[in-house]
Amino acid sequence: MRSIKLKSRQSLPNVKYLIDVYKDGKYFVGVAKGLDYTGVGKTIDEAIKNTKKSVKLALQWCLENGTLEKALKECEFKVISKYTY
């Protein structure tokens, strides 16, 4: 089971996930495991960077629409602590 820490309703949680990178022709494709978000790049580093950006944008959208915790739980992430500061 994956884990998340929810900091507050206004900020994104610390979500830990793995990124698999595949070669597709002359491009690399990063896939965030468990989240199914992807990023593409001409290098492995660029694919990883774009995958992280994709995940961040998706999580921000969920946060803004009040569905973040539900979406992460559906991906089998588990809240390990809730705190605000």
N, C-alpha and C. Protein backbone atom coordinates (compact mmCIF):
# COMPACT_ATOMS: atom_id res chain seq x y z
N MET A 1 0.83 -1.18 0.00
CA MET A 1 0.00 0.00 0.00
C MET A 1 0.88 1.24 0.00
N ARG A 2 0.53 2.22 -0.82
CA ARG A 2 1.26 3.47 -0.89
C ARG A 2 0.84 4.37 0.25
N SER A 3 1.61 5.43 0.52
CA SER A 3 1.26 6.29 1.64
C SER A 3 1.25 7.76 1.24
N ILE A 4 0.45 8.54 1.98
CA ILE A 4 0.38 9.98 1.79
C ILE A 4 0.33 10.65 3.15
N LYS A 5 0.79 11.88 3.21
CA LYS A 5 0.65 12.71 4.39
C LYS A 5 -0.10 13.96 3.94
N LEU A 6 -1.27 14.20 4.50
CA LEU A 6 -2.04 15.39 4.18
C LEU A 6 -1.62 16.51 5.11
N LYS A 7 -1.08 17.59 4.55
CA LYS A 7 -0.60 18.69 5.37
C LYS A 7 -1.74 19.62 5.78
N SER A 8 -2.50 20.06 4.84
CA SER A 8 -3.66 20.92 5.10
C SER A 8 -4.53 20.92 3.87
N ARG A 9 -5.66 21.53 3.96
CA ARG A 9 -6.57 21.58 2.81
C ARG A 9 -6.01 22.47 1.70
N GLN A 10 -5.05 23.32 2.01
CA GLN A 10 -4.54 24.27 1.03
C GLN A 10 -3.29 23.81 0.30
N SER A 11 -2.66 22.77 0.75
CA SER A 11 -1.41 22.35 0.12
C SER A 11 -1.47 20.90 -0.33
N LEU A 12 -0.62 20.57 -1.28
CA LEU A 12 -0.56 19.21 -1.78
C LEU A 12 0.12 18.31 -0.76
N PRO A 13 -0.33 17.07 -0.66
CA PRO A 13 0.31 16.13 0.28
C PRO A 13 1.63 15.62 -0.27
N ASN A 14 2.40 15.06 0.61
CA ASN A 14 3.64 14.40 0.22
C ASN A 14 3.27 13.00 -0.24
N VAL A 15 3.25 12.79 -1.56
CA VAL A 15 2.84 11.51 -2.13
C VAL A 15 4.08 10.81 -2.67
N LYS A 16 4.31 9.61 -2.22
CA LYS A 16 5.47 8.85 -2.69
C LYS A 16 5.01 7.83 -3.72
N TYR A 17 5.68 7.81 -4.86
CA TYR A 17 5.34 6.88 -5.93
C TYR A 17 6.59 6.60 -6.76
N LEU A 18 6.56 5.52 -7.50
CA LEU A 18 7.67 5.15 -8.38
C LEU A 18 7.34 5.57 -9.81
N ILE A 19 8.37 5.86 -10.58
CA ILE A 19 8.20 6.18 -11.99
C ILE A 19 8.98 5.15 -12.81
N ASP A 20 8.27 4.44 -13.67
CA ASP A 20 8.91 3.54 -14.63
C ASP A 20 9.14 4.34 -15.90
N VAL A 21 10.29 4.11 -16.54
CA VAL A 21 10.61 4.81 -17.78
C VAL A 21 10.81 3.79 -18.89
N TYR A 22 10.15 4.04 -20.01
CA TYR A 22 10.23 3.15 -21.18
C TYR A 22 10.71 3.93 -22.38
N LYS A 23 11.39 3.25 -23.27
CA LYS A 23 11.85 3.85 -24.53
C LYS A 23 10.77 3.58 -25.57
N ASP A 24 10.34 4.64 -26.27
CA ASP A 24 9.33 4.50 -27.32
C ASP A 24 9.85 5.25 -28.54
N GLY A 25 10.48 4.52 -29.43
CA GLY A 25 11.11 5.18 -30.58
C GLY A 25 12.27 6.02 -30.11
N LYS A 26 12.25 7.30 -30.46
CA LYS A 26 13.34 8.18 -30.01
C LYS A 26 12.98 8.96 -28.74
N TYR A 27 11.85 8.62 -28.12
CA TYR A 27 11.42 9.30 -26.90
C TYR A 27 11.39 8.34 -25.72
N PHE A 28 11.42 8.91 -24.53
CA PHE A 28 11.26 8.17 -23.29
C PHE A 28 9.92 8.54 -22.68
N VAL A 29 9.24 7.56 -22.11
CA VAL A 29 7.94 7.77 -21.48
C VAL A 29 8.04 7.37 -20.03
N GLY A 30 7.69 8.29 -19.13
CA GLY A 30 7.65 8.00 -17.71
C GLY A 30 6.22 7.70 -17.31
N VAL A 31 6.03 6.69 -16.47
CA VAL A 31 4.71 6.31 -15.98
C VAL A 31 4.74 6.29 -14.46
N ALA A 32 3.91 7.11 -13.83
CA ALA A 32 3.82 7.13 -12.37
C ALA A 32 3.00 5.92 -11.93
N LYS A 33 3.67 4.94 -11.34
CA LYS A 33 3.01 3.69 -10.95
C LYS A 33 1.93 3.96 -9.90
N GLY A 34 0.80 3.32 -10.10
CA GLY A 34 -0.30 3.48 -9.17
C GLY A 34 -1.17 4.68 -9.44
N LEU A 35 -0.63 5.65 -10.15
CA LEU A 35 -1.38 6.86 -10.48
C LEU A 35 -1.75 6.92 -11.96
N ASP A 36 -1.00 6.22 -12.77
CA ASP A 36 -1.24 6.16 -14.22
C ASP A 36 -1.16 7.52 -14.91
N TYR A 37 -0.29 8.37 -14.45
CA TYR A 37 0.00 9.63 -15.15
C TYR A 37 1.34 9.47 -15.84
N THR A 38 1.49 10.12 -16.97
CA THR A 38 2.69 9.93 -17.77
C THR A 38 3.35 11.25 -18.12
N GLY A 39 4.58 11.15 -18.58
CA GLY A 39 5.33 12.28 -19.10
C GLY A 39 6.28 11.76 -20.17
N VAL A 40 6.54 12.59 -21.16
CA VAL A 40 7.38 12.19 -22.29
C VAL A 40 8.56 13.15 -22.37
N GLY A 41 9.70 12.64 -22.82
CA GLY A 41 10.86 13.49 -23.01
C GLY A 41 11.87 12.86 -23.95
N LYS A 42 12.79 13.69 -24.41
CA LYS A 42 13.85 13.19 -25.29
C LYS A 42 14.94 12.47 -24.50
N THR A 43 14.96 12.71 -23.18
CA THR A 43 15.92 12.03 -22.30
C THR A 43 15.15 11.39 -21.15
N ILE A 44 15.81 10.50 -20.43
CA ILE A 44 15.18 9.88 -19.26
C ILE A 44 14.84 10.94 -18.22
N ASP A 45 15.78 11.85 -17.96
CA ASP A 45 15.54 12.90 -16.98
C ASP A 45 14.36 13.79 -17.35
N GLU A 46 14.23 14.10 -18.63
CA GLU A 46 13.12 14.95 -19.09
C GLU A 46 11.79 14.20 -18.93
N ALA A 47 11.77 12.91 -19.21
CA ALA A 47 10.56 12.11 -19.05
C ALA A 47 10.15 12.06 -17.58
N ILE A 48 11.12 11.90 -16.68
CA ILE A 48 10.84 11.87 -15.25
C ILE A 48 10.31 13.23 -14.79
N LYS A 49 10.96 14.30 -15.21
CA LYS A 49 10.53 15.65 -14.85
C LYS A 49 9.10 15.91 -15.32
N ASN A 50 8.79 15.53 -16.55
CA ASN A 50 7.45 15.76 -17.10
C ASN A 50 6.40 14.87 -16.44
N THR A 51 6.79 13.68 -16.01
CA THR A 51 5.87 12.81 -15.29
C THR A 51 5.54 13.42 -13.93
N LYS A 52 6.54 13.91 -13.23
CA LYS A 52 6.31 14.58 -11.93
C LYS A 52 5.39 15.77 -12.10
N LYS A 53 5.60 16.53 -13.17
CA LYS A 53 4.76 17.70 -13.44
C LYS A 53 3.31 17.27 -13.71
N SER A 54 3.14 16.19 -14.46
CA SER A 54 1.81 15.65 -14.75
C SER A 54 1.09 15.25 -13.46
N VAL A 55 1.80 14.56 -12.58
CA VAL A 55 1.23 14.14 -11.30
C VAL A 55 0.84 15.36 -10.48
N LYS A 56 1.74 16.33 -10.40
CA LYS A 56 1.47 17.54 -9.61
C LYS A 56 0.24 18.27 -10.12
N LEU A 57 0.12 18.43 -11.43
CA LEU A 57 -1.04 19.12 -12.00
C LEU A 57 -2.33 18.36 -11.70
N ALA A 58 -2.29 17.04 -11.80
CA ALA A 58 -3.48 16.24 -11.52
C ALA A 58 -3.88 16.34 -10.05
N LEU A 59 -2.90 16.28 -9.16
CA LEU A 59 -3.19 16.38 -7.73
C LEU A 59 -3.72 17.77 -7.37
N GLN A 60 -3.17 18.81 -8.01
CA GLN A 60 -3.66 20.17 -7.77
C GLN A 60 -5.11 20.29 -8.21
N TRP A 61 -5.44 19.70 -9.36
CA TRP A 61 -6.81 19.75 -9.85
C TRP A 61 -7.74 19.07 -8.86
N CYS A 62 -7.34 17.90 -8.37
CA CYS A 62 -8.16 17.18 -7.39
C CYS A 62 -8.33 17.99 -6.11
N LEU A 63 -7.25 18.61 -5.65
CA LEU A 63 -7.30 19.43 -4.45
C LEU A 63 -8.28 20.58 -4.62
N GLU A 64 -8.21 21.27 -5.75
CA GLU A 64 -9.08 22.41 -6.02
C GLU A 64 -10.55 22.00 -6.14
N ASN A 65 -10.80 20.75 -6.53
CA ASN A 65 -12.16 20.27 -6.73
C ASN A 65 -12.67 19.40 -5.58
N GLY A 66 -11.88 19.32 -4.51
CA GLY A 66 -12.30 18.61 -3.31
C GLY A 66 -12.34 17.10 -3.43
N THR A 67 -11.57 16.55 -4.36
CA THR A 67 -11.60 15.10 -4.58
C THR A 67 -10.25 14.44 -4.33
N LEU A 68 -9.31 15.17 -3.78
CA LEU A 68 -7.94 14.65 -3.64
C LEU A 68 -7.87 13.39 -2.79
N GLU A 69 -8.41 13.45 -1.59
CA GLU A 69 -8.31 12.29 -0.70
C GLU A 69 -9.02 11.08 -1.30
N LYS A 70 -10.18 11.28 -1.88
CA LYS A 70 -10.93 10.18 -2.51
C LYS A 70 -10.13 9.58 -3.67
N ALA A 71 -9.56 10.45 -4.52
CA ALA A 71 -8.80 9.98 -5.68
C ALA A 71 -7.59 9.15 -5.25
N LEU A 72 -6.88 9.62 -4.24
CA LEU A 72 -5.70 8.89 -3.77
C LEU A 72 -6.08 7.57 -3.12
N LYS A 73 -7.17 7.55 -2.39
CA LYS A 73 -7.62 6.30 -1.78
C LYS A 73 -8.03 5.30 -2.86
N GLU A 74 -8.64 5.77 -3.94
CA GLU A 74 -9.01 4.88 -5.05
C GLU A 74 -7.77 4.27 -5.70
N CYS A 75 -6.65 4.98 -5.62
CA CYS A 75 -5.38 4.46 -6.16
C CYS A 75 -4.63 3.64 -5.10
N GLU A 76 -5.31 3.33 -4.01
CA GLU A 76 -4.79 2.52 -2.91
C GLU A 76 -3.68 3.20 -2.10
N PHE A 77 -3.70 4.53 -2.07
CA PHE A 77 -2.82 5.26 -1.17
C PHE A 77 -3.50 5.29 0.19
N LYS A 78 -2.70 5.31 1.24
CA LYS A 78 -3.21 5.31 2.59
C LYS A 78 -2.71 6.57 3.30
N VAL A 79 -3.62 7.28 3.96
CA VAL A 79 -3.23 8.45 4.75
C VAL A 79 -2.51 7.96 6.00
N ILE A 80 -1.27 8.40 6.19
CA ILE A 80 -0.53 7.96 7.38
C ILE A 80 -0.54 9.01 8.48
N SER A 81 -0.87 10.26 8.13
CA SER A 81 -1.06 11.28 9.15
C SER A 81 -1.70 12.50 8.52
N LYS A 82 -2.46 13.22 9.33
CA LYS A 82 -3.06 14.49 8.92
C LYS A 82 -2.58 15.54 9.90
N TYR A 83 -2.09 16.63 9.38
CA TYR A 83 -1.66 17.70 10.26
C TYR A 83 -1.70 19.02 9.49
N THR A 84 -1.80 20.10 10.21
CA THR A 84 -1.74 21.44 9.63
C THR A 84 -0.65 22.22 10.33
N TYR A 85 -0.14 23.21 9.64
CA TYR A 85 0.86 24.09 10.26
C TYR A 85 0.79 25.44 9.64
